[in-house]
């Protein structure tokens, strides 16, 4: 995937041509990934945004699962959290 520095976003023609050619570009700041730009068709913007959101949600779930595997929560901690939420709702 092609990357472009944040400072190069001031070159709209080059950015537009890259997006047309590559369909997606990683935006970097100080050499580190910062954002992703995705080229879209005007008549498909809603579908594209829905797919991007779906992918972001799936990634968040995957990260949460990995974190849970690294640091599992005990049944006692789960019960304590449930109890605390129920008590807060009752107030």
C-alpha atoms as a PDB file:
ATOM      1  CA  UNK A   1       0.000   0.000   0.000  1.00  0.00           C
ATOM      2  CA  UNK A   2       1.253   3.458  -0.873  1.00  0.00           C
ATOM      3  CA  UNK A   3       1.999   5.966   1.861  1.00  0.00           C
ATOM      4  CA  UNK A   4       2.130   9.742   1.837  1.00  0.00           C
ATOM      5  CA  UNK A   5       3.441  12.161   4.450  1.00  0.00           C
ATOM      6  CA  UNK A   6       1.017  14.586   6.087  1.00  0.00           C
ATOM      7  CA  UNK A   7       3.027  17.488   4.682  1.00  0.00           C
ATOM      8  CA  UNK A   8       2.431  16.141   1.158  1.00  0.00           C
ATOM      9  CA  UNK A   9      -1.332  16.482   1.531  1.00  0.00           C
ATOM     10  CA  UNK A  10      -0.809  20.028   0.272  1.00  0.00           C
ATOM     11  CA  UNK A  11      -0.310  18.538  -3.195  1.00  0.00           C
ATOM     12  CA  UNK A  12      -3.909  17.793  -4.179  1.00  0.00           C
ATOM     13  CA  UNK A  13      -3.226  16.740  -7.759  1.00  0.00           C
ATOM     14  CA  UNK A  14      -0.630  14.161  -6.683  1.00  0.00           C
ATOM     15  CA  UNK A  15      -2.888  12.903  -3.890  1.00  0.00           C
ATOM     16  CA  UNK A  16      -5.891  12.603  -6.211  1.00  0.00           C
ATOM     17  CA  UNK A  17      -3.863  10.734  -8.825  1.00  0.00           C
ATOM     18  CA  UNK A  18      -2.472   8.377  -6.177  1.00  0.00           C
ATOM     19  CA  UNK A  19      -5.944   7.649  -4.802  1.00  0.00           C
ATOM     20  CA  UNK A  20      -7.314   6.995  -8.283  1.00  0.00           C
ATOM     21  CA  UNK A  21      -4.440   4.629  -9.017  1.00  0.00           C
ATOM     22  CA  UNK A  22      -4.076   2.892  -5.625  1.00  0.00           C
ATOM     23  CA  UNK A  23      -7.616   3.309  -4.158  1.00  0.00           C
ATOM     24  CA  UNK A  24      -6.120   3.694  -0.668  1.00  0.00           C
ATOM     25  CA  UNK A  25      -3.210   5.558   0.866  1.00  0.00           C
ATOM     26  CA  UNK A  26      -1.623   5.399   4.310  1.00  0.00           C
ATOM     27  CA  UNK A  27      -0.987   8.879   5.686  1.00  0.00           C
ATOM     28  CA  UNK A  28       2.165   9.116   7.818  1.00  0.00           C
ATOM     29  CA  UNK A  29       3.474  11.625  10.299  1.00  0.00           C
ATOM     30  CA  UNK A  30       7.153  11.436  11.188  1.00  0.00           C
ATOM     31  CA  UNK A  31       7.266   8.128   9.305  1.00  0.00           C
ATOM     32  CA  UNK A  32       4.555   6.505  11.450  1.00  0.00           C
ATOM     33  CA  UNK A  33       1.100   5.526  10.129  1.00  0.00           C
ATOM     34  CA  UNK A  34      -1.419   8.179  11.109  1.00  0.00           C
ATOM     35  CA  UNK A  35      -4.518   7.660   8.959  1.00  0.00           C
ATOM     36  CA  UNK A  36      -5.880   5.853   5.938  1.00  0.00           C
ATOM     37  CA  UNK A  37      -7.426   7.624   2.972  1.00  0.00           C
ATOM     38  CA  UNK A  38      -9.771   5.659   0.745  1.00  0.00           C
ATOM     39  CA  UNK A  39     -10.842   6.694  -2.727  1.00  0.00           C
ATOM     40  CA  UNK A  40     -14.586   6.507  -3.279  1.00  0.00           C
ATOM     41  CA  UNK A  41     -17.035   6.692  -6.119  1.00  0.00           C
ATOM     42  CA  UNK A  42     -19.534   9.536  -5.602  1.00  0.00           C
ATOM     43  CA  UNK A  43     -22.526   7.230  -5.951  1.00  0.00           C
ATOM     44  CA  UNK A  44     -21.111   4.654  -3.505  1.00  0.00           C
ATOM     45  CA  UNK A  45     -20.057   6.857  -0.577  1.00  0.00           C
ATOM     46  CA  UNK A  46     -22.612   5.419   1.854  1.00  0.00           C
ATOM     47  CA  UNK A  47     -21.709   1.832   1.005  1.00  0.00           C
ATOM     48  CA  UNK A  48     -18.008   2.607   1.328  1.00  0.00           C
ATOM     49  CA  UNK A  49     -18.449   4.288   4.723  1.00  0.00           C
ATOM     50  CA  UNK A  50     -20.533   1.357   5.956  1.00  0.00           C
ATOM     51  CA  UNK A  51     -17.765  -1.068   4.944  1.00  0.00           C
ATOM     52  CA  UNK A  52     -15.066   1.083   6.561  1.00  0.00           C
ATOM     53  CA  UNK A  53     -17.038   1.236   9.817  1.00  0.00           C
ATOM     54  CA  UNK A  54     -17.651  -2.505   9.698  1.00  0.00           C
ATOM     55  CA  UNK A  55     -13.918  -3.154   9.248  1.00  0.00           C
ATOM     56  CA  UNK A  56     -13.025  -0.796  12.102  1.00  0.00           C
ATOM     57  CA  UNK A  57     -15.530  -2.505  14.387  1.00  0.00           C
ATOM     58  CA  UNK A  58     -14.175  -5.950  13.492  1.00  0.00           C
ATOM     59  CA  UNK A  59     -10.644  -4.767  14.224  1.00  0.00           C
ATOM     60  CA  UNK A  60     -11.703  -3.366  17.602  1.00  0.00           C
ATOM     61  CA  UNK A  61     -13.367  -6.672  18.526  1.00  0.00           C
ATOM     62  CA  UNK A  62     -10.266  -8.597  17.468  1.00  0.00           C
ATOM     63  CA  UNK A  63      -8.039  -6.353  19.609  1.00  0.00           C
ATOM     64  CA  UNK A  64     -10.358  -6.781  22.596  1.00  0.00           C
ATOM     65  CA  UNK A  65     -10.254 -10.570  22.186  1.00  0.00           C
ATOM     66  CA  UNK A  66      -6.471 -10.557  22.003  1.00  0.00           C
ATOM     67  CA  UNK A  67      -6.286  -8.387  25.123  1.00  0.00           C
ATOM     68  CA  UNK A  68      -8.673 -10.720  26.941  1.00  0.00           C
ATOM     69  CA  UNK A  69      -6.485 -13.684  25.995  1.00  0.00           C
ATOM     70  CA  UNK A  70      -3.419 -11.910  27.394  1.00  0.00           C
ATOM     71  CA  UNK A  71      -5.119 -10.739  30.588  1.00  0.00           C
ATOM     72  CA  UNK A  72      -8.110 -12.967  31.289  1.00  0.00           C
ATOM     73  CA  UNK A  73     -10.750 -11.676  33.691  1.00  0.00           C
ATOM     74  CA  UNK A  74     -11.622 -13.946  36.588  1.00  0.00           C
ATOM     75  CA  UNK A  75     -15.233 -14.982  37.191  1.00  0.00           C
ATOM     76  CA  UNK A  76     -15.082 -13.088  40.496  1.00  0.00           C
ATOM     77  CA  UNK A  77     -14.073  -9.878  38.704  1.00  0.00           C
ATOM     78  CA  UNK A  78     -16.911 -10.337  36.219  1.00  0.00           C
ATOM     79  CA  UNK A  79     -19.433 -10.806  39.004  1.00  0.00           C
ATOM     80  CA  UNK A  80     -18.092  -7.749  40.840  1.00  0.00           C
ATOM     81  CA  UNK A  81     -18.458  -5.631  37.699  1.00  0.00           C
ATOM     82  CA  UNK A  82     -22.015  -6.865  37.096  1.00  0.00           C
ATOM     83  CA  UNK A  83     -22.918  -6.104  40.687  1.00  0.00           C
ATOM     84  CA  UNK A  84     -21.430  -2.603  40.486  1.00  0.00           C
ATOM     85  CA  UNK A  85     -23.343  -1.799  37.287  1.00  0.00           C
ATOM     86  CA  UNK A  86     -26.610  -3.098  38.718  1.00  0.00           C
ATOM     87  CA  UNK A  87     -26.143  -1.056  41.878  1.00  0.00           C
ATOM     88  CA  UNK A  88     -25.400   2.073  39.810  1.00  0.00           C
ATOM     89  CA  UNK A  89     -28.553   1.509  37.731  1.00  0.00           C
ATOM     90  CA  UNK A  90     -30.677   1.076  40.837  1.00  0.00           C
ATOM     91  CA  UNK A  91     -29.757   4.562  42.082  1.00  0.00           C
END
